[in-house]
């Protein structure tokens, strides 16, 4: 099971992902990111991974693409933070 929600405040729009980030949901994440990135009016766009329970290699690739597009992440647990740090290192190596 996978869920995508959007929470808006005056200063940010938060794309909240919950559940297992695996294919075919990775395509949904990319589409939700593009949609959420529209009309920010100066607000930050944050991808919240706090409630993600599993990230497949497809999920890592999707997060990497979001990172390349400028995504900022909020992580809850050590494993998710580790995955995001590894993706950031991978991004710096390919830049």
Protein backbone atom coordinates (compact mmCIF):
# COMPACT_ATOMS: atom_id res chain seq x y z
CA UNK A 1 0.00 0.00 0.00
CA UNK A 2 1.19 3.52 -0.80
CA UNK A 3 -0.29 6.95 -0.15
CA UNK A 4 0.62 10.44 -1.33
CA UNK A 5 -0.80 13.51 0.43
CA UNK A 6 -0.16 17.22 0.08
CA UNK A 7 -0.20 19.57 3.06
CA UNK A 8 0.01 23.29 2.44
CA UNK A 9 1.01 26.13 4.74
CA UNK A 10 1.86 29.75 4.06
CA UNK A 11 5.59 28.94 3.78
CA UNK A 12 5.69 25.45 2.27
CA UNK A 13 3.95 22.70 0.37
CA UNK A 14 4.72 19.24 1.78
CA UNK A 15 4.41 16.11 -0.35
CA UNK A 16 3.89 13.33 2.21
CA UNK A 17 4.73 9.78 1.11
CA UNK A 18 3.55 6.81 3.17
CA UNK A 19 4.13 3.09 2.75
CA UNK A 20 6.34 1.16 0.36
CA UNK A 21 8.05 3.22 -2.35
CA UNK A 22 8.21 0.57 -5.06
CA UNK A 23 7.19 0.29 -8.70
CA UNK A 24 4.54 1.18 -9.96
CA UNK A 25 4.16 3.90 -7.30
CA UNK A 26 7.43 5.54 -8.32
CA UNK A 27 5.77 6.96 -11.44
CA UNK A 28 2.98 8.36 -9.25
CA UNK A 29 5.58 10.08 -7.06
CA UNK A 30 7.17 11.74 -10.09
CA UNK A 31 3.77 12.94 -11.32
CA UNK A 32 2.80 14.21 -7.85
CA UNK A 33 6.13 16.07 -7.58
CA UNK A 34 5.59 17.81 -10.91
CA UNK A 35 2.05 18.76 -9.98
CA UNK A 36 3.05 19.97 -6.50
CA UNK A 37 5.92 22.04 -7.93
CA UNK A 38 3.47 24.18 -9.88
CA UNK A 39 2.35 27.51 -8.47
CA UNK A 40 4.45 27.51 -5.31
CA UNK A 41 4.38 31.31 -5.14
CA UNK A 42 7.72 31.43 -3.30
CA UNK A 43 6.96 28.56 -0.91
CA UNK A 44 9.33 25.64 -0.33
CA UNK A 45 8.44 22.18 -1.61
CA UNK A 46 9.41 19.39 0.81
CA UNK A 47 9.15 15.64 0.19
CA UNK A 48 8.32 14.02 3.53
CA UNK A 49 9.62 10.44 3.78
CA UNK A 50 8.88 10.04 7.51
CA UNK A 51 6.29 7.30 6.97
CA UNK A 52 7.99 5.45 4.12
CA UNK A 53 8.59 1.87 5.25
CA UNK A 54 10.54 0.50 2.27
CA UNK A 55 12.45 2.00 -0.66
CA UNK A 56 13.21 -0.30 -3.60
CA UNK A 57 15.93 0.38 -6.16
CA UNK A 58 13.21 1.89 -8.39
CA UNK A 59 12.21 4.05 -5.44
CA UNK A 60 15.80 5.18 -4.99
CA UNK A 61 15.96 6.09 -8.67
CA UNK A 62 12.75 8.11 -8.35
CA UNK A 63 14.09 9.97 -5.30
CA UNK A 64 17.36 10.60 -7.15
CA UNK A 65 15.44 12.20 -10.02
CA UNK A 66 13.51 14.38 -7.57
CA UNK A 67 16.80 15.37 -5.95
CA UNK A 68 18.19 16.34 -9.36
CA UNK A 69 15.09 18.48 -9.85
CA UNK A 70 15.81 20.28 -6.56
CA UNK A 71 13.72 18.32 -4.05
CA UNK A 72 14.36 18.80 -0.34
CA UNK A 73 13.60 15.84 1.91
CA UNK A 74 12.35 15.33 5.44
CA UNK A 75 13.24 11.91 6.89
CA UNK A 76 12.09 10.18 10.04
CA UNK A 77 14.28 7.17 10.64
CA UNK A 78 17.96 6.36 10.30
CA UNK A 79 17.54 4.08 7.28
CA UNK A 80 15.64 6.65 5.23
CA UNK A 81 18.18 9.35 6.14
CA UNK A 82 20.96 6.98 5.06
CA UNK A 83 19.30 6.35 1.69
CA UNK A 84 18.89 10.10 1.08
CA UNK A 85 22.53 10.74 2.05
CA UNK A 86 23.70 8.00 -0.32
CA UNK A 87 21.63 9.52 -3.12
CA UNK A 88 23.12 12.96 -2.40
CA UNK A 89 26.62 11.47 -2.66
CA UNK A 90 25.68 9.75 -5.91
CA UNK A 91 24.37 13.07 -7.24
CA UNK A 92 27.60 14.90 -6.38
CA UNK A 93 29.64 12.21 -8.12
CA UNK A 94 27.60 12.48 -11.32
CA UNK A 95 27.56 16.30 -11.38
